[in-house]
Amino acid sequence: MPAEMLSSRSIPIDDTGKRRKKKKKRVRVASTFSGTFPDLYRLTDDVLGEGAYAKVQGCVSLQSGKDYAVKIVEKKDGHSRGRVFREVETLYQCQGNKNILELIEFCEDDARFYLVFEKLRGGSILSHIQRKKHFNEKEASMVVRDIATALDYLHTKGIAHRDLKPENILCECVACENL
C-alpha cells in the first residue's frame, strides 16, 4: 500500500460560505395494524360533513368509548390512492400542533380509506359567523391569530394548505363560548 493510504489523520475541509440544503424529512405511511376499521370503531349516525370525494362521520372507539370523527374516502376509479397517502403523510407531519386537527389513525379496506381524527364539537367558523353576524375586535383577533399560527407552522414545514375557507376551520367547544 502507498504510504498516504496508511494515514488515518483527518483532513480539514473548508466549507465556509457553502451551505448544504437540508433534505425535507419525509414520513412514510406505514401500517402496523393488522385489523380493520370495524375491529376498532363503531360508526355513529352523526354525519359531520360531506365533500366531493369523502364524507365525515362520527365514530366511537370500541376500546376506550371515546368519540372521534372519521373521514371516509371511497375507493373509486379516478380517485388517486397517492393523493390519500399524501394527505395522511402531511397530517402525520403536523402532529402535535394545537391549531391543526390531530390525525389519530389511518385504516383501509378493499372499498374505503378511513382517516380517524379527534372530534371537535364547536363546529366550523362559518357557522359561528352565520350565528353571530358580527365579531368584536378581540374575537376576530383571536381567530386570525390561531389561523395565522397554524399557517406559519405549515409554511415552516413547506406545506401549503390550498383549501382555506370558513367551513374548513373548526372550533373547539371551549373556544365556542368566546365566539
N, C-alpha and C. Protein backbone atom coordinates (compact mmCIF):
# COMPACT_ATOMS: atom_id res chain seq x y z
N MET A 1 0.82 -1.18 0.00
CA MET A 1 0.00 0.00 0.00
C MET A 1 0.87 1.25 0.00
N PRO A 2 0.43 2.29 -0.70
CA PRO A 2 1.17 3.54 -0.66
C PRO A 2 1.11 4.15 0.74
N ALA A 3 2.10 4.89 1.12
CA ALA A 3 2.20 5.48 2.45
C ALA A 3 1.05 6.40 2.77
N GLU A 4 0.57 7.17 1.76
CA GLU A 4 -0.52 8.12 2.04
C GLU A 4 -1.83 7.40 2.38
N MET A 5 -2.02 6.16 2.02
CA MET A 5 -3.25 5.44 2.33
C MET A 5 -3.22 4.84 3.73
N LEU A 6 -2.03 4.73 4.33
CA LEU A 6 -1.93 4.18 5.67
C LEU A 6 -2.27 5.21 6.74
N SER A 7 -2.25 6.46 6.39
CA SER A 7 -2.52 7.52 7.35
C SER A 7 -4.00 7.55 7.73
N SER A 8 -4.28 7.77 9.02
CA SER A 8 -5.67 7.84 9.45
C SER A 8 -6.00 9.20 10.05
N ARG A 9 -5.17 10.19 9.77
CA ARG A 9 -5.47 11.51 10.33
C ARG A 9 -6.54 12.20 9.49
N SER A 10 -7.27 13.11 10.14
CA SER A 10 -8.34 13.80 9.45
C SER A 10 -7.79 14.86 8.52
N ILE A 11 -8.54 15.15 7.50
CA ILE A 11 -8.16 16.18 6.52
C ILE A 11 -9.13 17.33 6.69
N PRO A 12 -8.62 18.53 6.96
CA PRO A 12 -9.53 19.67 7.12
C PRO A 12 -10.23 20.00 5.79
N ILE A 13 -11.52 20.29 5.88
CA ILE A 13 -12.30 20.63 4.70
C ILE A 13 -12.84 22.03 4.90
N ASP A 14 -12.54 22.90 3.96
CA ASP A 14 -13.00 24.28 4.04
C ASP A 14 -14.40 24.35 3.42
N ASP A 15 -15.40 24.57 4.28
CA ASP A 15 -16.77 24.67 3.75
C ASP A 15 -17.37 26.03 4.07
N THR A 16 -16.52 27.03 4.31
CA THR A 16 -17.03 28.37 4.61
C THR A 16 -17.75 28.91 3.39
N GLY A 17 -18.90 29.48 3.67
CA GLY A 17 -19.69 30.07 2.59
C GLY A 17 -20.53 29.07 1.83
N LYS A 18 -20.34 27.81 2.07
CA LYS A 18 -21.13 26.81 1.37
C LYS A 18 -22.07 26.14 2.37
N ARG A 19 -23.34 26.24 2.11
CA ARG A 19 -24.34 25.61 2.97
C ARG A 19 -25.06 24.55 2.16
N ARG A 20 -25.17 23.38 2.75
CA ARG A 20 -25.96 22.34 2.10
C ARG A 20 -27.40 22.49 2.51
N LYS A 21 -28.27 22.36 1.55
CA LYS A 21 -29.70 22.39 1.87
C LYS A 21 -30.07 21.11 2.58
N LYS A 22 -30.85 21.27 3.65
CA LYS A 22 -31.32 20.07 4.35
C LYS A 22 -32.41 19.42 3.53
N LYS A 23 -32.34 18.14 3.44
CA LYS A 23 -33.37 17.39 2.75
C LYS A 23 -34.63 17.39 3.59
N LYS A 24 -35.77 17.61 2.96
CA LYS A 24 -37.02 17.59 3.69
C LYS A 24 -37.29 16.18 4.18
N LYS A 25 -37.51 16.07 5.49
CA LYS A 25 -37.77 14.76 6.09
C LYS A 25 -39.15 14.28 5.68
N ARG A 26 -39.21 13.10 5.12
CA ARG A 26 -40.49 12.54 4.71
C ARG A 26 -40.90 11.45 5.69
N VAL A 27 -42.14 11.50 6.04
CA VAL A 27 -42.68 10.49 6.93
C VAL A 27 -43.40 9.47 6.06
N ARG A 28 -43.10 8.24 6.22
CA ARG A 28 -43.74 7.20 5.42
C ARG A 28 -44.99 6.70 6.11
N VAL A 29 -46.00 6.47 5.31
CA VAL A 29 -47.22 5.90 5.83
C VAL A 29 -47.01 4.41 5.94
N ALA A 30 -46.99 3.94 7.14
CA ALA A 30 -46.77 2.51 7.36
C ALA A 30 -47.86 2.00 8.27
N SER A 31 -48.45 0.92 7.90
CA SER A 31 -49.49 0.35 8.72
C SER A 31 -48.92 -0.77 9.58
N THR A 32 -49.02 -0.58 10.89
CA THR A 32 -48.55 -1.62 11.80
C THR A 32 -49.74 -2.37 12.37
N PHE A 33 -50.92 -2.01 11.93
CA PHE A 33 -52.15 -2.60 12.45
C PHE A 33 -52.63 -3.69 11.51
N SER A 34 -53.01 -4.82 12.06
CA SER A 34 -53.41 -5.95 11.21
C SER A 34 -54.93 -6.12 11.13
N GLY A 35 -55.71 -5.35 11.91
CA GLY A 35 -57.16 -5.46 11.89
C GLY A 35 -57.78 -4.50 10.91
N THR A 36 -59.08 -4.28 11.04
CA THR A 36 -59.80 -3.39 10.15
C THR A 36 -60.49 -2.31 10.96
N PHE A 37 -61.00 -1.30 10.27
CA PHE A 37 -61.71 -0.21 10.95
C PHE A 37 -62.84 -0.73 11.85
N PRO A 38 -63.70 -1.63 11.36
CA PRO A 38 -64.78 -2.13 12.24
C PRO A 38 -64.28 -2.91 13.47
N ASP A 39 -63.03 -3.37 13.44
CA ASP A 39 -62.46 -4.02 14.62
C ASP A 39 -62.16 -3.00 15.73
N LEU A 40 -61.97 -1.74 15.32
CA LEU A 40 -61.55 -0.70 16.26
C LEU A 40 -62.63 0.32 16.59
N TYR A 41 -63.54 0.58 15.64
CA TYR A 41 -64.50 1.67 15.80
C TYR A 41 -65.90 1.24 15.37
N ARG A 42 -66.88 1.94 15.94
CA ARG A 42 -68.27 1.79 15.53
C ARG A 42 -68.72 3.14 14.98
N LEU A 43 -69.24 3.16 13.76
CA LEU A 43 -69.76 4.40 13.18
C LEU A 43 -71.03 4.82 13.89
N THR A 44 -71.23 6.12 14.04
CA THR A 44 -72.47 6.65 14.59
C THR A 44 -73.30 7.22 13.43
N ASP A 45 -74.51 7.63 13.71
CA ASP A 45 -75.37 8.22 12.68
C ASP A 45 -75.05 9.69 12.44
N ASP A 46 -74.13 10.23 13.20
CA ASP A 46 -73.78 11.64 13.14
C ASP A 46 -72.92 11.94 11.90
N VAL A 47 -73.54 12.51 10.85
CA VAL A 47 -72.79 12.90 9.65
C VAL A 47 -72.33 14.34 9.87
N LEU A 48 -71.02 14.53 9.90
CA LEU A 48 -70.44 15.83 10.23
C LEU A 48 -70.16 16.69 9.00
N GLY A 49 -70.06 16.05 7.84
CA GLY A 49 -69.80 16.79 6.62
C GLY A 49 -69.67 15.87 5.43
N GLU A 50 -69.84 16.47 4.24
CA GLU A 50 -69.69 15.71 3.00
C GLU A 50 -69.02 16.57 1.97
N GLY A 51 -68.13 15.95 1.21
CA GLY A 51 -67.44 16.64 0.14
C GLY A 51 -67.54 15.85 -1.14
N ALA A 52 -66.79 16.27 -2.13
CA ALA A 52 -66.83 15.61 -3.44
C ALA A 52 -66.25 14.20 -3.39
N TYR A 53 -65.23 13.98 -2.53
CA TYR A 53 -64.55 12.70 -2.50
C TYR A 53 -64.75 11.91 -1.22
N ALA A 54 -65.30 12.55 -0.21
CA ALA A 54 -65.36 11.89 1.09
C ALA A 54 -66.53 12.41 1.92
N LYS A 55 -66.83 11.66 2.98
CA LYS A 55 -67.77 12.15 3.97
C LYS A 55 -67.11 12.01 5.34
N VAL A 56 -67.54 12.85 6.26
CA VAL A 56 -67.02 12.80 7.62
C VAL A 56 -68.16 12.41 8.54
N GLN A 57 -67.91 11.40 9.33
CA GLN A 57 -68.95 10.83 10.18
C GLN A 57 -68.38 10.64 11.58
N GLY A 58 -69.26 10.60 12.57
CA GLY A 58 -68.82 10.31 13.92
C GLY A 58 -68.53 8.84 14.08
N CYS A 59 -67.64 8.52 15.00
CA CYS A 59 -67.35 7.12 15.33
C CYS A 59 -66.92 7.05 16.79
N VAL A 60 -67.01 5.85 17.34
CA VAL A 60 -66.65 5.62 18.74
C VAL A 60 -65.61 4.50 18.79
N SER A 61 -64.57 4.72 19.58
CA SER A 61 -63.56 3.69 19.78
C SER A 61 -64.17 2.55 20.58
N LEU A 62 -64.03 1.34 20.09
CA LEU A 62 -64.54 0.17 20.80
C LEU A 62 -63.71 -0.12 22.04
N GLN A 63 -62.45 0.31 22.03
CA GLN A 63 -61.57 0.06 23.17
C GLN A 63 -61.78 1.06 24.30
N SER A 64 -61.87 2.37 23.96
CA SER A 64 -61.94 3.40 25.00
C SER A 64 -63.32 4.02 25.17
N GLY A 65 -64.19 3.88 24.17
CA GLY A 65 -65.50 4.52 24.22
C GLY A 65 -65.47 6.00 23.84
N LYS A 66 -64.30 6.51 23.44
CA LYS A 66 -64.13 7.92 23.11
C LYS A 66 -64.68 8.23 21.71
N ASP A 67 -65.27 9.42 21.58
CA ASP A 67 -65.81 9.87 20.30
C ASP A 67 -64.71 10.42 19.41
N TYR A 68 -64.80 10.10 18.13
CA TYR A 68 -63.88 10.62 17.12
C TYR A 68 -64.68 10.99 15.88
N ALA A 69 -64.01 11.63 14.93
CA ALA A 69 -64.57 11.89 13.61
C ALA A 69 -63.75 11.08 12.62
N VAL A 70 -64.42 10.48 11.64
CA VAL A 70 -63.69 9.70 10.64
C VAL A 70 -64.04 10.21 9.24
N LYS A 71 -63.00 10.49 8.48
CA LYS A 71 -63.16 10.86 7.08
C LYS A 71 -63.10 9.57 6.29
N ILE A 72 -64.17 9.28 5.57
CA ILE A 72 -64.27 8.04 4.81
C ILE A 72 -64.17 8.38 3.33
N VAL A 73 -63.14 7.85 2.69
CA VAL A 73 -62.90 8.10 1.28
C VAL A 73 -63.17 6.80 0.53
N GLU A 74 -64.17 6.82 -0.33
CA GLU A 74 -64.50 5.64 -1.15
C GLU A 74 -63.41 5.43 -2.19
N LYS A 75 -63.02 4.20 -2.41
CA LYS A 75 -62.06 3.88 -3.46
C LYS A 75 -62.83 3.78 -4.77
N LYS A 76 -62.60 4.77 -5.63
CA LYS A 76 -63.27 4.81 -6.92
C LYS A 76 -62.24 5.02 -8.00
N ASP A 77 -62.59 4.64 -9.22
CA ASP A 77 -61.71 4.93 -10.35
C ASP A 77 -61.58 6.44 -10.47
N GLY A 78 -60.38 6.89 -10.72
CA GLY A 78 -60.16 8.32 -10.88
C GLY A 78 -59.75 9.01 -9.58
N HIS A 79 -59.96 8.38 -8.44
CA HIS A 79 -59.52 8.97 -7.18
C HIS A 79 -58.18 8.34 -6.82
N SER A 80 -57.17 9.15 -6.79
CA SER A 80 -55.80 8.67 -6.64
C SER A 80 -55.50 8.17 -5.22
N ARG A 81 -55.00 6.96 -5.17
CA ARG A 81 -54.54 6.38 -3.91
C ARG A 81 -53.39 7.21 -3.34
N GLY A 82 -52.53 7.69 -4.23
CA GLY A 82 -51.41 8.52 -3.83
C GLY A 82 -51.85 9.80 -3.16
N ARG A 83 -52.96 10.36 -3.62
CA ARG A 83 -53.49 11.60 -3.04
C ARG A 83 -53.87 11.37 -1.57
N VAL A 84 -54.50 10.25 -1.28
CA VAL A 84 -54.89 9.93 0.10
C VAL A 84 -53.64 9.73 0.96
N PHE A 85 -52.66 9.01 0.44
CA PHE A 85 -51.42 8.78 1.20
C PHE A 85 -50.66 10.08 1.43
N ARG A 86 -50.66 11.00 0.45
CA ARG A 86 -50.01 12.31 0.66
C ARG A 86 -50.71 13.08 1.76
N GLU A 87 -52.04 13.02 1.79
CA GLU A 87 -52.80 13.70 2.85
C GLU A 87 -52.43 13.12 4.22
N VAL A 88 -52.36 11.81 4.31
CA VAL A 88 -52.03 11.15 5.58
C VAL A 88 -50.60 11.53 6.00
N GLU A 89 -49.66 11.50 5.07
CA GLU A 89 -48.28 11.88 5.40
C GLU A 89 -48.20 13.31 5.89
N THR A 90 -48.92 14.21 5.22
CA THR A 90 -48.93 15.62 5.63
C THR A 90 -49.51 15.76 7.03
N LEU A 91 -50.59 15.06 7.32
CA LEU A 91 -51.20 15.13 8.64
C LEU A 91 -50.27 14.57 9.72
N TYR A 92 -49.53 13.51 9.41
CA TYR A 92 -48.56 12.97 10.37
C TYR A 92 -47.46 13.99 10.66
N GLN A 93 -47.04 14.74 9.64
CA GLN A 93 -46.01 15.76 9.83
C GLN A 93 -46.49 16.89 10.74
N CYS A 94 -47.80 17.07 10.83
CA CYS A 94 -48.36 18.17 11.62
C CYS A 94 -48.81 17.75 13.01
N GLN A 95 -48.52 16.53 13.41
CA GLN A 95 -48.92 16.03 14.72
C GLN A 95 -48.41 16.95 15.82
N GLY A 96 -49.27 17.20 16.81
CA GLY A 96 -48.84 17.93 18.00
C GLY A 96 -49.06 19.42 17.95
N ASN A 97 -49.50 19.98 16.84
CA ASN A 97 -49.77 21.41 16.80
C ASN A 97 -51.20 21.66 17.27
N LYS A 98 -51.37 22.53 18.25
CA LYS A 98 -52.69 22.73 18.86
C LYS A 98 -53.71 23.35 17.92
N ASN A 99 -53.27 23.98 16.83
CA ASN A 99 -54.19 24.62 15.90
C ASN A 99 -54.44 23.81 14.64
N ILE A 100 -53.96 22.57 14.61
CA ILE A 100 -54.18 21.70 13.46
C ILE A 100 -54.82 20.41 13.94
N LEU A 101 -55.89 20.03 13.26
CA LEU A 101 -56.63 18.83 13.63
C LEU A 101 -55.72 17.62 13.70
N GLU A 102 -55.86 16.84 14.76
CA GLU A 102 -54.99 15.70 15.03
C GLU A 102 -55.51 14.44 14.34
N LEU A 103 -54.66 13.84 13.51
CA LEU A 103 -54.97 12.54 12.91
C LEU A 103 -54.64 11.48 13.95
N ILE A 104 -55.62 10.67 14.30
CA ILE A 104 -55.44 9.63 15.32
C ILE A 104 -54.97 8.33 14.70
N GLU A 105 -55.60 7.95 13.60
CA GLU A 105 -55.31 6.65 13.00
C GLU A 105 -55.72 6.63 11.54
N PHE A 106 -55.09 5.76 10.78
CA PHE A 106 -55.42 5.57 9.37
C PHE A 106 -55.63 4.09 9.12
N CYS A 107 -56.75 3.75 8.49
CA CYS A 107 -57.06 2.36 8.14
C CYS A 107 -57.54 2.32 6.69
N GLU A 108 -57.51 1.15 6.12
CA GLU A 108 -58.09 0.97 4.79
C GLU A 108 -58.59 -0.45 4.65
N ASP A 109 -59.61 -0.60 3.82
CA ASP A 109 -60.07 -1.94 3.45
C ASP A 109 -60.20 -1.95 1.93
N ASP A 110 -60.84 -2.96 1.38
CA ASP A 110 -60.92 -3.08 -0.08
C ASP A 110 -61.73 -1.95 -0.73
N ALA A 111 -62.66 -1.35 0.01
CA ALA A 111 -63.56 -0.36 -0.57
C ALA A 111 -63.29 1.08 -0.13
N ARG A 112 -62.62 1.28 1.02
CA ARG A 112 -62.52 2.62 1.60
C ARG A 112 -61.20 2.86 2.32
N PHE A 113 -60.89 4.17 2.45
CA PHE A 113 -59.84 4.65 3.34
C PHE A 113 -60.54 5.29 4.52
N TYR A 114 -59.99 5.15 5.72
CA TYR A 114 -60.56 5.73 6.93
C TYR A 114 -59.49 6.57 7.62
N LEU A 115 -59.73 7.86 7.75
CA LEU A 115 -58.83 8.74 8.47
C LEU A 115 -59.55 9.16 9.75
N VAL A 116 -59.08 8.69 10.89
CA VAL A 116 -59.74 8.95 12.17
C VAL A 116 -59.08 10.17 12.81
N PHE A 117 -59.90 11.16 13.16
CA PHE A 117 -59.44 12.42 13.73
C PHE A 117 -60.04 12.64 15.11
N GLU A 118 -59.38 13.52 15.89
CA GLU A 118 -60.01 13.99 17.11
C GLU A 118 -61.32 14.66 16.71
N LYS A 119 -62.30 14.64 17.58
CA LYS A 119 -63.59 15.23 17.26
C LYS A 119 -63.71 16.58 17.97
N LEU A 120 -63.84 17.63 17.17
CA LEU A 120 -64.03 18.97 17.71
C LEU A 120 -65.53 19.27 17.69
N ARG A 121 -66.06 19.69 18.81
CA ARG A 121 -67.51 19.85 18.95
C ARG A 121 -68.01 21.27 18.68
N GLY A 122 -67.12 22.16 18.32
CA GLY A 122 -67.52 23.56 18.17
C GLY A 122 -68.08 23.95 16.82
N GLY A 123 -68.01 23.06 15.85
CA GLY A 123 -68.49 23.41 14.52
C GLY A 123 -67.48 24.26 13.77
N SER A 124 -67.85 24.67 12.58
CA SER A 124 -66.94 25.47 11.75
C SER A 124 -67.03 26.94 12.12
N ILE A 125 -66.02 27.69 11.76
CA ILE A 125 -66.06 29.14 11.99
C ILE A 125 -67.17 29.76 11.15
N LEU A 126 -67.52 29.14 10.02
CA LEU A 126 -68.61 29.63 9.19
C LEU A 126 -69.92 29.64 9.97
N SER A 127 -70.19 28.56 10.71
CA SER A 127 -71.44 28.51 11.48
C SER A 127 -71.46 29.58 12.56
N HIS A 128 -70.30 29.91 13.14
CA HIS A 128 -70.23 30.97 14.15
C HIS A 128 -70.44 32.34 13.52
N ILE A 129 -69.90 32.54 12.33
CA ILE A 129 -70.10 33.81 11.61
C ILE A 129 -71.58 33.98 11.28
N GLN A 130 -72.22 32.92 10.80
CA GLN A 130 -73.64 33.00 10.45
C GLN A 130 -74.51 33.24 11.68
N ARG A 131 -74.15 32.63 12.79
CA ARG A 131 -74.94 32.77 14.01
C ARG A 131 -74.76 34.15 14.64
N LYS A 132 -73.51 34.61 14.75
CA LYS A 132 -73.22 35.86 15.45
C LYS A 132 -73.44 37.10 14.59
N LYS A 133 -73.23 37.00 13.31
CA LYS A 133 -73.31 38.10 12.35
C LYS A 133 -72.16 39.11 12.51
N HIS A 134 -71.63 39.26 13.71
CA HIS A 134 -70.59 40.26 13.96
C HIS A 134 -69.64 39.76 15.04
N PHE A 135 -68.35 39.90 14.79
CA PHE A 135 -67.33 39.58 15.78
C PHE A 135 -66.73 40.90 16.26
N ASN A 136 -66.55 41.04 17.57
CA ASN A 136 -65.86 42.25 18.03
C ASN A 136 -64.38 42.10 17.72
N GLU A 137 -63.61 43.14 17.97
CA GLU A 137 -62.20 43.14 17.60
C GLU A 137 -61.41 42.04 18.32
N LYS A 138 -61.71 41.84 19.60
CA LYS A 138 -60.99 40.81 20.36
C LYS A 138 -61.28 39.41 19.81
N GLU A 139 -62.55 39.10 19.52
CA GLU A 139 -62.93 37.79 18.98
C GLU A 139 -62.28 37.56 17.62
N ALA A 140 -62.34 38.58 16.76
CA ALA A 140 -61.75 38.45 15.42
C ALA A 140 -60.25 38.26 15.51
N SER A 141 -59.59 38.99 16.41
CA SER A 141 -58.14 38.87 16.52
C SER A 141 -57.73 37.49 17.03
N MET A 142 -58.54 36.88 17.92
CA MET A 142 -58.24 35.52 18.40
C MET A 142 -58.30 34.51 17.25
N VAL A 143 -59.33 34.64 16.42
CA VAL A 143 -59.49 33.73 15.29
C VAL A 143 -58.35 33.89 14.30
N VAL A 144 -58.05 35.14 13.94
CA VAL A 144 -56.99 35.40 12.97
C VAL A 144 -55.64 34.94 13.51
N ARG A 145 -55.38 35.17 14.80
CA ARG A 145 -54.11 34.72 15.40
C ARG A 145 -53.95 33.21 15.29
N ASP A 146 -55.00 32.45 15.63
CA ASP A 146 -54.93 31.00 15.56
C ASP A 146 -54.71 30.50 14.13
N ILE A 147 -55.40 31.12 13.19
CA ILE A 147 -55.24 30.73 11.78
C ILE A 147 -53.83 31.05 11.30
N ALA A 148 -53.35 32.25 11.63
CA ALA A 148 -52.00 32.66 11.21
C ALA A 148 -50.93 31.77 11.84
N THR A 149 -51.12 31.39 13.10
CA THR A 149 -50.16 30.50 13.78
C THR A 149 -50.12 29.14 13.09
N ALA A 150 -51.29 28.62 12.75
CA ALA A 150 -51.34 27.32 12.06
C ALA A 150 -50.70 27.41 10.68
N LEU A 151 -50.98 28.47 9.94
CA LEU A 151 -50.40 28.62 8.61
C LEU A 151 -48.88 28.80 8.68
N ASP A 152 -48.41 29.55 9.67
CA ASP A 152 -46.97 29.71 9.84
C ASP A 152 -46.30 28.36 10.10
N TYR A 153 -46.93 27.55 10.94
CA TYR A 153 -46.41 26.21 11.24
C TYR A 153 -46.34 25.37 9.95
N LEU A 154 -47.42 25.38 9.18
CA LEU A 154 -47.44 24.63 7.92
C LEU A 154 -46.35 25.12 6.97
N HIS A 155 -46.23 26.44 6.84
CA HIS A 155 -45.27 27.00 5.89
C HIS A 155 -43.84 26.70 6.28
N THR A 156 -43.54 26.66 7.59
CA THR A 156 -42.18 26.31 8.00
C THR A 156 -41.86 24.85 7.65
N LYS A 157 -42.88 24.04 7.48
CA LYS A 157 -42.68 22.64 7.08
C LYS A 157 -42.76 22.46 5.56
N GLY A 158 -42.94 23.57 4.84
CA GLY A 158 -43.02 23.51 3.38
C GLY A 158 -44.36 23.02 2.88
N ILE A 159 -45.41 23.22 3.68
CA ILE A 159 -46.76 22.75 3.32
C ILE A 159 -47.65 23.96 3.05
N ALA A 160 -48.39 23.92 1.94
CA ALA A 160 -49.38 24.94 1.64
C ALA A 160 -50.76 24.33 1.84
N HIS A 161 -51.67 25.06 2.48
CA HIS A 161 -53.00 24.50 2.79
C HIS A 161 -53.83 24.30 1.53
N ARG A 162 -53.98 25.30 0.70
CA ARG A 162 -54.68 25.26 -0.59
C ARG A 162 -56.19 25.08 -0.54
N ASP A 163 -56.80 25.00 0.62
CA ASP A 163 -58.26 24.93 0.69
C ASP A 163 -58.75 25.63 1.96
N LEU A 164 -58.19 26.80 2.20
CA LEU A 164 -58.52 27.56 3.40
C LEU A 164 -59.81 28.33 3.17
N LYS A 165 -60.86 27.97 3.89
CA LYS A 165 -62.16 28.63 3.80
C LYS A 165 -62.87 28.42 5.12
N PRO A 166 -63.85 29.27 5.44
CA PRO A 166 -64.50 29.22 6.76
C PRO A 166 -65.08 27.85 7.13
N GLU A 167 -65.59 27.10 6.19
CA GLU A 167 -66.17 25.79 6.53
C GLU A 167 -65.10 24.75 6.87
N ASN A 168 -63.83 25.03 6.53
CA ASN A 168 -62.74 24.12 6.86
C ASN A 168 -61.99 24.51 8.13
N ILE A 169 -62.42 25.56 8.79
CA ILE A 169 -61.79 25.99 10.03
C ILE A 169 -62.72 25.57 11.16
N LEU A 170 -62.28 24.60 11.95
CA LEU A 170 -63.10 24.04 13.02
C LEU A 170 -62.75 24.65 14.36
N CYS A 171 -63.75 24.70 15.24
CA CYS A 171 -63.57 25.27 16.57
C CYS A 171 -63.70 24.19 17.63
N GLU A 172 -62.93 24.36 18.70
CA GLU A 172 -63.11 23.50 19.86
C GLU A 172 -64.30 24.03 20.64
N CYS A 173 -64.92 23.17 21.39
CA CYS A 173 -66.08 23.57 22.18
C CYS A 173 -65.73 24.68 23.18
N VAL A 174 -64.56 24.59 23.79
CA VAL A 174 -64.14 25.60 24.77
C VAL A 174 -64.10 26.97 24.12
N ALA A 175 -63.56 27.04 22.91
CA ALA A 175 -63.45 28.32 22.23
C ALA A 175 -64.81 28.85 21.79
N CYS A 176 -65.81 27.97 21.66
CA CYS A 176 -67.14 28.39 21.18
C CYS A 176 -67.79 29.37 22.15
N GLU A 177 -67.52 29.24 23.42
CA GLU A 177 -68.15 30.11 24.40
C GLU A 177 -67.70 31.54 24.20
N ASN A 178 -66.49 31.74 23.66
CA ASN A 178 -65.96 33.08 23.46
C ASN A 178 -66.36 33.66 22.11
N LEU A 179 -66.90 32.84 21.22
CA LEU A 179 -67.23 33.34 19.88
C LEU A 179 -68.71 33.59 19.73
